[in-house]
Each structure stands twice: as structure tokens, then as C-alpha cells.
Amino acid sequence: KIGILSLSFNGRVFFKWVMYGFFQGVIITALSFFPFEHSPYQDGELVGLWTGGAIAYTSVIITVNFAIFAFSNTYYWFVFFFSFGSIGVYLLTQWVLSAFMPSLDIFGVNEML
């Protein structure tokens, strides 16, 4: 009956989801690129798009996993495991890649250690 009455998917619901995604995109872009507008280095060198892109991608990974977790209808152990495990695996992969391949040190992990 929900599908027949168009309660789950209609123009209003679709527009709401599009605006929700647009708002998330604006926030992720603003928090990823605008803090690096001014140079954090003393010699005036800018961070570049690589760091901003990596932060944006990481933000998208975390946001999407939390959204999937929030909109789940059931909360079994595997929902927790895959939602938070995928974020952990992504961050672990970035750390391992930056430790073994210095050219891929996108988060400055080697400098912090």
C-alpha cells in the first residue's frame, strides 16, 4: 500500500534526498578545502589539491558509513562490524601506504612519527 500511494518515493521525497546530498557535499567541500586556503608552511608553499582531495574522500567515506548505519532498520553485530570496520580498514590502509610508500604520505603520517 505504501508504494501504491507513493509515500516512499515521490517528487517531494526525491527533492528532499537531493537537497540532503547537496548539503552534505557543500559541508564536506568547505571543510576539506577552505582551511588550506592560507599557507600552513613558513615558506609560503601551499598544501595543494592532493591533501584537500584526500581529506574530502576520507570525509565521504566516514559520512557515507555513518549514514548507512543511521538509516539501517536493524542493528545486528555485523552492521556495527561492517560500518565501523570499513572506516577502520580505510584508515589503516592509508596509514600503511603512507608508511611504506613515502610518496603517498597524504596525511603527513611520516612527519608526525
PDB file of N, CA and C in Angstrom:
ATOM      1  N   LYS A   1       0.811  -1.196   0.000  1.00  0.00           N
ATOM      2  CA  LYS A   1       0.000   0.000   0.000  1.00  0.00           C
ATOM      3  C   LYS A   1       0.863   1.272   0.000  1.00  0.00           C
ATOM      4  N   ILE A   2       2.038   1.232   0.605  1.00  0.00           N
ATOM      5  CA  ILE A   2       2.907   2.409   0.633  1.00  0.00           C
ATOM      6  C   ILE A   2       3.340   2.782  -0.785  1.00  0.00           C
ATOM      7  N   GLY A   3       3.682   1.771  -1.593  1.00  0.00           N
ATOM      8  CA  GLY A   3       4.097   2.042  -2.961  1.00  0.00           C
ATOM      9  C   GLY A   3       2.968   2.543  -3.837  1.00  0.00           C
ATOM     10  N   ILE A   4       1.773   2.051  -3.619  1.00  0.00           N
ATOM     11  CA  ILE A   4       0.629   2.476  -4.417  1.00  0.00           C
ATOM     12  C   ILE A   4       0.295   3.941  -4.144  1.00  0.00           C
ATOM     13  N   LEU A   5       0.420   4.379  -2.913  1.00  0.00           N
ATOM     14  CA  LEU A   5       0.114   5.758  -2.540  1.00  0.00           C
ATOM     15  C   LEU A   5       1.298   6.703  -2.755  1.00  0.00           C
ATOM     16  N   SER A   6       2.424   6.176  -3.237  1.00  0.00           N
ATOM     17  CA  SER A   6       3.647   6.961  -3.487  1.00  0.00           C
ATOM     18  C   SER A   6       4.144   7.673  -2.229  1.00  0.00           C
ATOM     19  N   LEU A   7       4.105   6.991  -1.106  1.00  0.00           N
ATOM     20  CA  LEU A   7       4.578   7.583   0.138  1.00  0.00           C
ATOM     21  C   LEU A   7       6.093   7.475   0.288  1.00  0.00           C
ATOM     22  N   SER A   8       6.692   6.437  -0.281  1.00  0.00           N
ATOM     23  CA  SER A   8       8.132   6.242  -0.142  1.00  0.00           C
ATOM     24  C   SER A   8       8.933   6.960  -1.207  1.00  0.00           C
ATOM     25  N   PHE A   9       8.372   7.106  -2.385  1.00  0.00           N
ATOM     26  CA  PHE A   9       9.120   7.734  -3.468  1.00  0.00           C
ATOM     27  C   PHE A   9       8.177   8.595  -4.287  1.00  0.00           C
ATOM     28  N   ASN A  10       8.299   9.892  -4.085  1.00  0.00           N
ATOM     29  CA  ASN A  10       7.554  10.854  -4.876  1.00  0.00           C
ATOM     30  C   ASN A  10       8.459  12.058  -5.094  1.00  0.00           C
ATOM     31  N   GLY A  11       7.956  13.074  -5.732  1.00  0.00           N
ATOM     32  CA  GLY A  11       8.777  14.237  -6.032  1.00  0.00           C
ATOM     33  C   GLY A  11       9.315  14.939  -4.801  1.00  0.00           C
ATOM     34  N   ARG A  12       8.490  15.041  -3.777  1.00  0.00           N
ATOM     35  CA  ARG A  12       8.907  15.714  -2.551  1.00  0.00           C
ATOM     36  C   ARG A  12      10.014  14.937  -1.839  1.00  0.00           C
ATOM     37  N   VAL A  13       9.851  13.623  -1.720  1.00  0.00           N
ATOM     38  CA  VAL A  13      10.861  12.785  -1.067  1.00  0.00           C
ATOM     39  C   VAL A  13      12.159  12.815  -1.872  1.00  0.00           C
ATOM     40  N   PHE A  14      12.058  12.742  -3.197  1.00  0.00           N
ATOM     41  CA  PHE A  14      13.247  12.778  -4.053  1.00  0.00           C
ATOM     42  C   PHE A  14      13.982  14.101  -3.894  1.00  0.00           C
ATOM     43  N   PHE A  15      13.268  15.210  -3.921  1.00  0.00           N
ATOM     44  CA  PHE A  15      13.885  16.522  -3.766  1.00  0.00           C
ATOM     45  C   PHE A  15      14.538  16.653  -2.388  1.00  0.00           C
ATOM     46  N   LYS A  16      13.925  16.096  -1.366  1.00  0.00           N
ATOM     47  CA  LYS A  16      14.499  16.127  -0.016  1.00  0.00           C
ATOM     48  C   LYS A  16      15.833  15.387   0.032  1.00  0.00           C
ATOM     49  N   TRP A  17      15.911  14.231  -0.607  1.00  0.00           N
ATOM     50  CA  TRP A  17      17.157  13.468  -0.635  1.00  0.00           C
ATOM     51  C   TRP A  17      18.230  14.169  -1.459  1.00  0.00           C
ATOM     52  N   VAL A  18      17.833  14.791  -2.563  1.00  0.00           N
ATOM     53  CA  VAL A  18      18.806  15.530  -3.381  1.00  0.00           C
ATOM     54  C   VAL A  18      19.372  16.704  -2.589  1.00  0.00           C
ATOM     55  N   MET A  19      18.523  17.429  -1.890  1.00  0.00           N
ATOM     56  CA  MET A  19      18.992  18.560  -1.088  1.00  0.00           C
ATOM     57  C   MET A  19      19.863  18.091   0.082  1.00  0.00           C
ATOM     58  N   TYR A  20      19.526  16.959   0.664  1.00  0.00           N
ATOM     59  CA  TYR A  20      20.331  16.382   1.741  1.00  0.00           C
ATOM     60  C   TYR A  20      21.744  16.049   1.233  1.00  0.00           C
ATOM     61  N   GLY A  21      21.824  15.431   0.058  1.00  0.00           N
ATOM     62  CA  GLY A  21      23.122  15.117  -0.532  1.00  0.00           C
ATOM     63  C   GLY A  21      23.897  16.363  -0.920  1.00  0.00           C
ATOM     64  N   PHE A  22      23.204  17.363  -1.468  1.00  0.00           N
ATOM     65  CA  PHE A  22      23.859  18.620  -1.836  1.00  0.00           C
ATOM     66  C   PHE A  22      24.427  19.311  -0.601  1.00  0.00           C
ATOM     67  N   PHE A  23      23.661  19.347   0.477  1.00  0.00           N
ATOM     68  CA  PHE A  23      24.109  19.971   1.714  1.00  0.00           C
ATOM     69  C   PHE A  23      25.326  19.250   2.285  1.00  0.00           C
ATOM     70  N   GLN A  24      25.318  17.923   2.258  1.00  0.00           N
ATOM     71  CA  GLN A  24      26.479  17.168   2.726  1.00  0.00           C
ATOM     72  C   GLN A  24      27.701  17.458   1.853  1.00  0.00           C
ATOM     73  N   GLY A  25      27.506  17.542   0.545  1.00  0.00           N
ATOM     74  CA  GLY A  25      28.615  17.839  -0.361  1.00  0.00           C
ATOM     75  C   GLY A  25      29.215  19.207  -0.119  1.00  0.00           C
ATOM     76  N   VAL A  26      28.373  20.192   0.128  1.00  0.00           N
ATOM     77  CA  VAL A  26      28.869  21.543   0.406  1.00  0.00           C
ATOM     78  C   VAL A  26      29.676  21.560   1.705  1.00  0.00           C
ATOM     79  N   ILE A  27      29.182  20.890   2.720  1.00  0.00           N
ATOM     80  CA  ILE A  27      29.895  20.858   4.002  1.00  0.00           C
ATOM     81  C   ILE A  27      31.240  20.138   3.858  1.00  0.00           C
ATOM     82  N   ILE A  28      31.246  19.001   3.182  1.00  0.00           N
ATOM     83  CA  ILE A  28      32.492  18.249   3.011  1.00  0.00           C
ATOM     84  C   ILE A  28      33.504  19.051   2.205  1.00  0.00           C
ATOM     85  N   THR A  29      33.050  19.703   1.136  1.00  0.00           N
ATOM     86  CA  THR A  29      33.957  20.520   0.322  1.00  0.00           C
ATOM     87  C   THR A  29      34.499  21.693   1.134  1.00  0.00           C
ATOM     88  N   ALA A  30      33.631  22.369   1.862  1.00  0.00           N
ATOM     89  CA  ALA A  30      34.070  23.523   2.648  1.00  0.00           C
ATOM     90  C   ALA A  30      35.075  23.117   3.722  1.00  0.00           C
ATOM     91  N   LEU A  31      34.813  22.011   4.404  1.00  0.00           N
ATOM     92  CA  LEU A  31      35.724  21.583   5.463  1.00  0.00           C
ATOM     93  C   LEU A  31      37.006  20.951   4.931  1.00  0.00           C
ATOM     94  N   SER A  32      37.008  20.552   3.670  1.00  0.00           N
ATOM     95  CA  SER A  32      38.200  19.916   3.104  1.00  0.00           C
ATOM     96  C   SER A  32      39.152  20.906   2.452  1.00  0.00           C
ATOM     97  N   PHE A  33      38.615  21.938   1.809  1.00  0.00           N
ATOM     98  CA  PHE A  33      39.479  22.813   1.022  1.00  0.00           C
ATOM     99  C   PHE A  33      39.682  24.207   1.612  1.00  0.00           C
ATOM    100  N   PHE A  34      38.691  24.783   2.258  1.00  0.00           N
ATOM    101  CA  PHE A  34      38.831  26.148   2.747  1.00  0.00           C
ATOM    102  C   PHE A  34      39.823  26.309   3.889  1.00  0.00           C
ATOM    103  N   PRO A  35      40.001  25.340   4.778  1.00  0.00           N
ATOM    104  CA  PRO A  35      41.031  25.528   5.822  1.00  0.00           C
ATOM    105  C   PRO A  35      42.447  25.616   5.264  1.00  0.00           C
ATOM    106  N   PHE A  36      42.666  25.110   4.067  1.00  0.00           N
ATOM    107  CA  PHE A  36      44.011  25.113   3.491  1.00  0.00           C
ATOM    108  C   PHE A  36      44.206  26.240   2.494  1.00  0.00           C
ATOM    109  N   GLU A  37      43.324  27.227   2.539  1.00  0.00           N
ATOM    110  CA  GLU A  37      43.434  28.353   1.625  1.00  0.00           C
ATOM    111  C   GLU A  37      44.691  29.174   1.919  1.00  0.00           C
ATOM    112  N   HIS A  38      45.018  29.300   3.182  1.00  0.00           N
ATOM    113  CA  HIS A  38      46.225  30.025   3.576  1.00  0.00           C
ATOM    114  C   HIS A  38      47.331  29.020   3.864  1.00  0.00           C
ATOM    115  N   SER A  39      48.546  29.432   3.636  1.00  0.00           N
ATOM    116  CA  SER A  39      49.682  28.533   3.743  1.00  0.00           C
ATOM    117  C   SER A  39      49.998  28.180   5.191  1.00  0.00           C
ATOM    118  N   PRO A  40      50.069  26.865   5.503  1.00  0.00           N
ATOM    119  CA  PRO A  40      50.477  26.479   6.851  1.00  0.00           C
ATOM    120  C   PRO A  40      51.993  26.434   7.008  1.00  0.00           C
ATOM    121  N   TYR A  41      52.716  26.574   5.901  1.00  0.00           N
ATOM    122  CA  TYR A  41      54.168  26.493   5.942  1.00  0.00           C
ATOM    123  C   TYR A  41      54.761  27.894   5.993  1.00  0.00           C
ATOM    124  N   GLN A  42      55.927  28.020   6.604  1.00  0.00           N
ATOM    125  CA  GLN A  42      56.568  29.327   6.748  1.00  0.00           C
ATOM    126  C   GLN A  42      57.110  29.848   5.426  1.00  0.00           C
ATOM    127  N   ASP A  43      57.428  28.959   4.491  1.00  0.00           N
ATOM    128  CA  ASP A  43      57.980  29.412   3.218  1.00  0.00           C
ATOM    129  C   ASP A  43      56.893  29.804   2.213  1.00  0.00           C
ATOM    130  N   GLY A  44      55.620  29.737   2.609  1.00  0.00           N
ATOM    131  CA  GLY A  44      54.532  30.156   1.745  1.00  0.00           C
ATOM    132  C   GLY A  44      54.036  29.093   0.795  1.00  0.00           C
ATOM    133  N   GLU A  45      54.586  27.888   0.871  1.00  0.00           N
ATOM    134  CA  GLU A  45      54.166  26.800  -0.012  1.00  0.00           C
ATOM    135  C   GLU A  45      52.768  26.321   0.383  1.00  0.00           C
ATOM    136  N   LEU A  46      51.910  26.164  -0.609  1.00  0.00           N
ATOM    137  CA  LEU A  46      50.561  25.691  -0.344  1.00  0.00           C
ATOM    138  C   LEU A  46      50.532  24.178  -0.241  1.00  0.00           C
ATOM    139  N   VAL A  47      49.533  23.671   0.438  1.00  0.00           N
ATOM    140  CA  VAL A  47      49.415  22.229   0.630  1.00  0.00           C
ATOM    141  C   VAL A  47      49.106  21.542  -0.690  1.00  0.00           C
ATOM    142  N   GLY A  48      48.220  22.083  -1.484  1.00  0.00           N
ATOM    143  CA  GLY A  48      47.888  21.504  -2.772  1.00  0.00           C
ATOM    144  C   GLY A  48      46.572  20.752  -2.750  1.00  0.00           C
ATOM    145  N   LEU A  49      46.157  20.302  -3.909  1.00  0.00           N
ATOM    146  CA  LEU A  49      44.880  19.613  -4.035  1.00  0.00           C
ATOM    147  C   LEU A  49      44.930  18.172  -3.548  1.00  0.00           C
ATOM    148  N   TRP A  50      46.123  17.588  -3.480  1.00  0.00           N
ATOM    149  CA  TRP A  50      46.233  16.201  -3.046  1.00  0.00           C
ATOM    150  C   TRP A  50      45.734  16.041  -1.610  1.00  0.00           C
ATOM    151  N   THR A  51      46.156  16.917  -0.738  1.00  0.00           N
ATOM    152  CA  THR A  51      45.738  16.838   0.664  1.00  0.00           C
ATOM    153  C   THR A  51      44.250  17.142   0.811  1.00  0.00           C
ATOM    154  N   GLY A  52      43.778  18.182   0.141  1.00  0.00           N
ATOM    155  CA  GLY A  52      42.359  18.508   0.201  1.00  0.00           C
ATOM    156  C   GLY A  52      41.489  17.397  -0.353  1.00  0.00           C
ATOM    157  N   GLY A  53      41.924  16.793  -1.454  1.00  0.00           N
ATOM    158  CA  GLY A  53      41.181  15.672  -2.033  1.00  0.00           C
ATOM    159  C   GLY A  53      41.171  14.455  -1.132  1.00  0.00           C
ATOM    160  N   ALA A  54      42.293  14.194  -0.484  1.00  0.00           N
ATOM    161  CA  ALA A  54      42.356  13.052   0.438  1.00  0.00           C
ATOM    162  C   ALA A  54      41.452  13.273   1.649  1.00  0.00           C
ATOM    163  N   ILE A  55      41.419  14.497   2.149  1.00  0.00           N
ATOM    164  CA  ILE A  55      40.536  14.799   3.277  1.00  0.00           C
ATOM    165  C   ILE A  55      39.078  14.715   2.845  1.00  0.00           C
ATOM    166  N   ALA A  56      38.771  15.197   1.642  1.00  0.00           N
ATOM    167  CA  ALA A  56      37.399  15.119   1.139  1.00  0.00           C
ATOM    168  C   ALA A  56      36.968  13.665   0.969  1.00  0.00           C
ATOM    169  N   TYR A  57      37.840  12.831   0.408  1.00  0.00           N
ATOM    170  CA  TYR A  57      37.496  11.420   0.201  1.00  0.00           C
ATOM    171  C   TYR A  57      37.311  10.704   1.541  1.00  0.00           C
ATOM    172  N   THR A  58      38.180  11.005   2.497  1.00  0.00           N
ATOM    173  CA  THR A  58      38.041  10.413   3.824  1.00  0.00           C
ATOM    174  C   THR A  58      36.741  10.864   4.484  1.00  0.00           C
ATOM    175  N   SER A  59      36.401  12.118   4.324  1.00  0.00           N
ATOM    176  CA  SER A  59      35.133  12.620   4.869  1.00  0.00           C
ATOM    177  C   SER A  59      33.938  11.933   4.237  1.00  0.00           C
ATOM    178  N   VAL A  60      34.013  11.690   2.934  1.00  0.00           N
ATOM    179  CA  VAL A  60      32.919  10.998   2.245  1.00  0.00           C
ATOM    180  C   VAL A  60      32.793   9.571   2.764  1.00  0.00           C
ATOM    181  N   ILE A  61      33.923   8.878   2.942  1.00  0.00           N
ATOM    182  CA  ILE A  61      33.898   7.501   3.455  1.00  0.00           C
ATOM    183  C   ILE A  61      33.227   7.465   4.827  1.00  0.00           C
ATOM    184  N   ILE A  62      33.626   8.368   5.713  1.00  0.00           N
ATOM    185  CA  ILE A  62      33.070   8.389   7.060  1.00  0.00           C
ATOM    186  C   ILE A  62      31.597   8.787   7.037  1.00  0.00           C
ATOM    187  N   THR A  63      31.247   9.798   6.251  1.00  0.00           N
ATOM    188  CA  THR A  63      29.859  10.260   6.177  1.00  0.00           C
ATOM    189  C   THR A  63      28.935   9.189   5.627  1.00  0.00           C
ATOM    190  N   VAL A  64      29.355   8.532   4.561  1.00  0.00           N
ATOM    191  CA  VAL A  64      28.513   7.501   3.949  1.00  0.00           C
ATOM    192  C   VAL A  64      28.312   6.329   4.898  1.00  0.00           C
ATOM    193  N   ASN A  65      29.371   5.908   5.573  1.00  0.00           N
ATOM    194  CA  ASN A  65      29.228   4.791   6.502  1.00  0.00           C
ATOM    195  C   ASN A  65      28.342   5.137   7.687  1.00  0.00           C
ATOM    196  N   PHE A  66      28.449   6.353   8.196  1.00  0.00           N
ATOM    197  CA  PHE A  66      27.556   6.761   9.279  1.00  0.00           C
ATOM    198  C   PHE A  66      26.118   6.900   8.792  1.00  0.00           C
ATOM    199  N   ALA A  67      25.928   7.368   7.549  1.00  0.00           N
ATOM    200  CA  ALA A  67      24.567   7.478   7.011  1.00  0.00           C
ATOM    201  C   ALA A  67      23.952   6.093   6.833  1.00  0.00           C
ATOM    202  N   ILE A  68      24.722   5.150   6.325  1.00  0.00           N
ATOM    203  CA  ILE A  68      24.223   3.779   6.177  1.00  0.00           C
ATOM    204  C   ILE A  68      23.876   3.203   7.545  1.00  0.00           C
ATOM    205  N   PHE A  69      24.724   3.466   8.516  1.00  0.00           N
ATOM    206  CA  PHE A  69      24.461   2.976   9.870  1.00  0.00           C
ATOM    207  C   PHE A  69      23.204   3.632  10.457  1.00  0.00           C
ATOM    208  N   ALA A  70      23.042   4.932  10.240  1.00  0.00           N
ATOM    209  CA  ALA A  70      21.909   5.648  10.809  1.00  0.00           C
ATOM    210  C   ALA A  70      20.580   5.239  10.180  1.00  0.00           C
ATOM    211  N   PHE A  71      20.593   4.916   8.887  1.00  0.00           N
ATOM    212  CA  PHE A  71      19.350   4.580   8.198  1.00  0.00           C
ATOM    213  C   PHE A  71      19.088   3.081   8.127  1.00  0.00           C
ATOM    214  N   SER A  72      19.865   2.295   8.847  1.00  0.00           N
ATOM    215  CA  SER A  72      19.612   0.852   8.887  1.00  0.00           C
ATOM    216  C   SER A  72      18.355   0.571   9.699  1.00  0.00           C
ATOM    217  N   ASN A  73      17.610  -0.422   9.282  1.00  0.00           N
ATOM    218  CA  ASN A  73      16.401  -0.794  10.007  1.00  0.00           C
ATOM    219  C   ASN A  73      16.689  -1.752  11.156  1.00  0.00           C
ATOM    220  N   THR A  74      17.771  -2.505  11.040  1.00  0.00           N
ATOM    221  CA  THR A  74      18.143  -3.454  12.086  1.00  0.00           C
ATOM    222  C   THR A  74      19.592  -3.216  12.486  1.00  0.00           C
ATOM    223  N   TYR A  75      19.889  -3.467  13.735  1.00  0.00           N
ATOM    224  CA  TYR A  75      21.242  -3.255  14.246  1.00  0.00           C
ATOM    225  C   TYR A  75      21.765  -4.552  14.847  1.00  0.00           C
ATOM    226  N   TYR A  76      22.237  -5.417  13.989  1.00  0.00           N
ATOM    227  CA  TYR A  76      22.883  -6.639  14.434  1.00  0.00           C
ATOM    228  C   TYR A  76      24.378  -6.384  14.552  1.00  0.00           C
ATOM    229  N   TRP A  77      25.119  -7.368  15.036  1.00  0.00           N
ATOM    230  CA  TRP A  77      26.555  -7.195  15.244  1.00  0.00           C
ATOM    231  C   TRP A  77      27.286  -6.937  13.930  1.00  0.00           C
ATOM    232  N   PHE A  78      26.815  -7.546  12.840  1.00  0.00           N
ATOM    233  CA  PHE A  78      27.522  -7.372  11.579  1.00  0.00           C
ATOM    234  C   PHE A  78      27.300  -5.974  10.990  1.00  0.00           C
ATOM    235  N   VAL A  79      26.213  -5.303  11.353  1.00  0.00           N
ATOM    236  CA  VAL A  79      26.018  -3.919  10.902  1.00  0.00           C
ATOM    237  C   VAL A  79      27.074  -3.033  11.560  1.00  0.00           C
ATOM    238  N   PHE A  80      27.291  -3.194  12.852  1.00  0.00           N
ATOM    239  CA  PHE A  80      28.355  -2.462  13.543  1.00  0.00           C
ATOM    240  C   PHE A  80      29.720  -2.811  12.964  1.00  0.00           C
ATOM    241  N   PHE A  81      29.943  -4.095  12.759  1.00  0.00           N
ATOM    242  CA  PHE A  81      31.238  -4.573  12.275  1.00  0.00           C
ATOM    243  C   PHE A  81      31.576  -3.974  10.910  1.00  0.00           C
ATOM    244  N   PHE A  82      30.657  -4.055   9.968  1.00  0.00           N
ATOM    245  CA  PHE A  82      30.953  -3.570   8.622  1.00  0.00           C
ATOM    246  C   PHE A  82      30.932  -2.045   8.540  1.00  0.00           C
ATOM    247  N   SER A  83      30.065  -1.391   9.292  1.00  0.00           N
ATOM    248  CA  SER A  83      30.017   0.077   9.250  1.00  0.00           C
ATOM    249  C   SER A  83      31.304   0.684   9.799  1.00  0.00           C
ATOM    250  N   PHE A  84      31.678   0.281  11.000  1.00  0.00           N
ATOM    251  CA  PHE A  84      32.873   0.852  11.609  1.00  0.00           C
ATOM    252  C   PHE A  84      34.152   0.154  11.141  1.00  0.00           C
ATOM    253  N   GLY A  85      34.027  -1.108  10.750  1.00  0.00           N
ATOM    254  CA  GLY A  85      35.192  -1.833  10.236  1.00  0.00           C
ATOM    255  C   GLY A  85      35.683  -1.287   8.911  1.00  0.00           C
ATOM    256  N   SER A  86      34.772  -0.864   8.047  1.00  0.00           N
ATOM    257  CA  SER A  86      35.204  -0.324   6.756  1.00  0.00           C
ATOM    258  C   SER A  86      35.925   1.010   6.931  1.00  0.00           C
ATOM    259  N   ILE A  87      35.488   1.812   7.896  1.00  0.00           N
ATOM    260  CA  ILE A  87      36.207   3.055   8.186  1.00  0.00           C
ATOM    261  C   ILE A  87      37.595   2.733   8.733  1.00  0.00           C
ATOM    262  N   GLY A  88      37.677   1.776   9.646  1.00  0.00           N
ATOM    263  CA  GLY A  88      38.962   1.385  10.215  1.00  0.00           C
ATOM    264  C   GLY A  88      39.915   0.807   9.189  1.00  0.00           C
ATOM    265  N   VAL A  89      39.394  -0.023   8.289  1.00  0.00           N
ATOM    266  CA  VAL A  89      40.242  -0.609   7.242  1.00  0.00           C
ATOM    267  C   VAL A  89      40.755   0.476   6.305  1.00  0.00           C
ATOM    268  N   TYR A  90      39.915   1.437   5.965  1.00  0.00           N
ATOM    269  CA  TYR A  90      40.350   2.534   5.102  1.00  0.00           C
ATOM    270  C   TYR A  90      41.468   3.334   5.771  1.00  0.00           C
ATOM    271  N   LEU A  91      41.272   3.715   7.036  1.00  0.00           N
ATOM    272  CA  LEU A  91      42.298   4.495   7.733  1.00  0.00           C
ATOM    273  C   LEU A  91      43.581   3.690   7.927  1.00  0.00           C
ATOM    274  N   LEU A  92      43.455   2.398   8.216  1.00  0.00           N
ATOM    275  CA  LEU A  92      44.639   1.543   8.351  1.00  0.00           C
ATOM    276  C   LEU A  92      45.380   1.426   7.021  1.00  0.00           C
ATOM    277  N   THR A  93      44.644   1.290   5.942  1.00  0.00           N
ATOM    278  CA  THR A  93      45.265   1.207   4.617  1.00  0.00           C
ATOM    279  C   THR A  93      46.018   2.489   4.290  1.00  0.00           C
ATOM    280  N   GLN A  94      45.425   3.638   4.595  1.00  0.00           N
ATOM    281  CA  GLN A  94      46.109   4.904   4.342  1.00  0.00           C
ATOM    282  C   GLN A  94      47.376   5.026   5.179  1.00  0.00           C
ATOM    283  N   TRP A  95      47.314   4.580   6.417  1.00  0.00           N
ATOM    284  CA  TRP A  95      48.487   4.651   7.275  1.00  0.00           C
ATOM    285  C   TRP A  95      49.594   3.731   6.771  1.00  0.00           C
ATOM    286  N   VAL A  96      49.242   2.502   6.387  1.00  0.00           N
ATOM    287  CA  VAL A  96      50.245   1.548   5.896  1.00  0.00           C
ATOM    288  C   VAL A  96      50.855   2.049   4.592  1.00  0.00           C
ATOM    289  N   LEU A  97      50.028   2.537   3.677  1.00  0.00           N
ATOM    290  CA  LEU A  97      50.565   3.040   2.407  1.00  0.00           C
ATOM    291  C   LEU A  97      51.488   4.235   2.620  1.00  0.00           C
ATOM    292  N   SER A  98      51.120   5.125   3.529  1.00  0.00           N
ATOM    293  CA  SER A  98      51.979   6.285   3.751  1.00  0.00           C
ATOM    294  C   SER A  98      53.259   5.903   4.488  1.00  0.00           C
ATOM    295  N   ALA A  99      53.240   4.824   5.265  1.00  0.00           N
ATOM    296  CA  ALA A  99      54.444   4.397   5.976  1.00  0.00           C
ATOM    297  C   ALA A  99      55.424   3.696   5.045  1.00  0.00           C
ATOM    298  N   PHE A 100      54.907   2.891   4.103  1.00  0.00           N
ATOM    299  CA  PHE A 100      55.782   2.124   3.219  1.00  0.00           C
ATOM    300  C   PHE A 100      56.073   2.808   1.897  1.00  0.00           C
ATOM    301  N   MET A 101      55.259   3.754   1.518  1.00  0.00           N
ATOM    302  CA  MET A 101      55.479   4.492   0.279  1.00  0.00           C
ATOM    303  C   MET A 101      55.460   5.981   0.614  1.00  0.00           C
ATOM    304  N   PRO A 102      56.607   6.576   0.893  1.00  0.00           N
ATOM    305  CA  PRO A 102      56.642   7.987   1.318  1.00  0.00           C
ATOM    306  C   PRO A 102      56.027   8.939   0.305  1.00  0.00           C
ATOM    307  N   SER A 103      56.009   8.581  -0.957  1.00  0.00           N
ATOM    308  CA  SER A 103      55.402   9.470  -1.952  1.00  0.00           C
ATOM    309  C   SER A 103      53.884   9.523  -1.805  1.00  0.00           C
ATOM    310  N   LEU A 104      53.284   8.556  -1.085  1.00  0.00           N
ATOM    311  CA  LEU A 104      51.846   8.538  -0.863  1.00  0.00           C
ATOM    312  C   LEU A 104      51.468   9.028   0.528  1.00  0.00           C
ATOM    313  N   ASP A 105      52.344   9.753   1.158  1.00  0.00           N
ATOM    314  CA  ASP A 105      52.101  10.227   2.520  1.00  0.00           C
ATOM    315  C   ASP A 105      51.130  11.402   2.486  1.00  0.00           C
ATOM    316  N   ILE A 106      49.855  11.092   2.286  1.00  0.00           N
ATOM    317  CA  ILE A 106      48.873  12.148   2.072  1.00  0.00           C
ATOM    318  C   ILE A 106      48.433  12.827   3.355  1.00  0.00           C
ATOM    319  N   PHE A 107      48.587  12.199   4.488  1.00  0.00           N
ATOM    320  CA  PHE A 107      48.154  12.806   5.736  1.00  0.00           C
ATOM    321  C   PHE A 107      49.327  13.278   6.585  1.00  0.00           C
ATOM    322  N   GLY A 108      50.545  13.176   6.083  1.00  0.00           N
ATOM    323  CA  GLY A 108      51.695  13.606   6.857  1.00  0.00           C
ATOM    324  C   GLY A 108      52.010  12.685   8.030  1.00  0.00           C
ATOM    325  N   VAL A 109      51.684  11.404   7.897  1.00  0.00           N
ATOM    326  CA  VAL A 109      51.889  10.462   8.984  1.00  0.00           C
ATOM    327  C   VAL A 109      53.382  10.305   9.283  1.00  0.00           C
ATOM    328  N   ASN A 110      54.190  10.214   8.240  1.00  0.00           N
ATOM    329  CA  ASN A 110      55.628  10.024   8.454  1.00  0.00           C
ATOM    330  C   ASN A 110      56.252  11.216   9.176  1.00  0.00           C
ATOM    331  N   GLU A 111      55.757  12.419   8.899  1.00  0.00           N
ATOM    332  CA  GLU A 111      56.292  13.588   9.592  1.00  0.00           C
ATOM    333  C   GLU A 111      55.889  13.602  11.058  1.00  0.00           C
ATOM    334  N   MET A 112      54.688  13.086  11.365  1.00  0.00           N
ATOM    335  CA  MET A 112      54.221  13.083  12.754  1.00  0.00           C
ATOM    336  C   MET A 112      54.936  12.029  13.591  1.00  0.00           C
ATOM    337  N   LEU A 113      55.371  10.922  12.962  1.00  0.00           N
ATOM    338  CA  LEU A 113      56.061   9.871  13.696  1.00  0.00           C
ATOM    339  C   LEU A 113      57.487  10.257  13.859  1.00  0.00           C
TER     340      LEU A 113
END
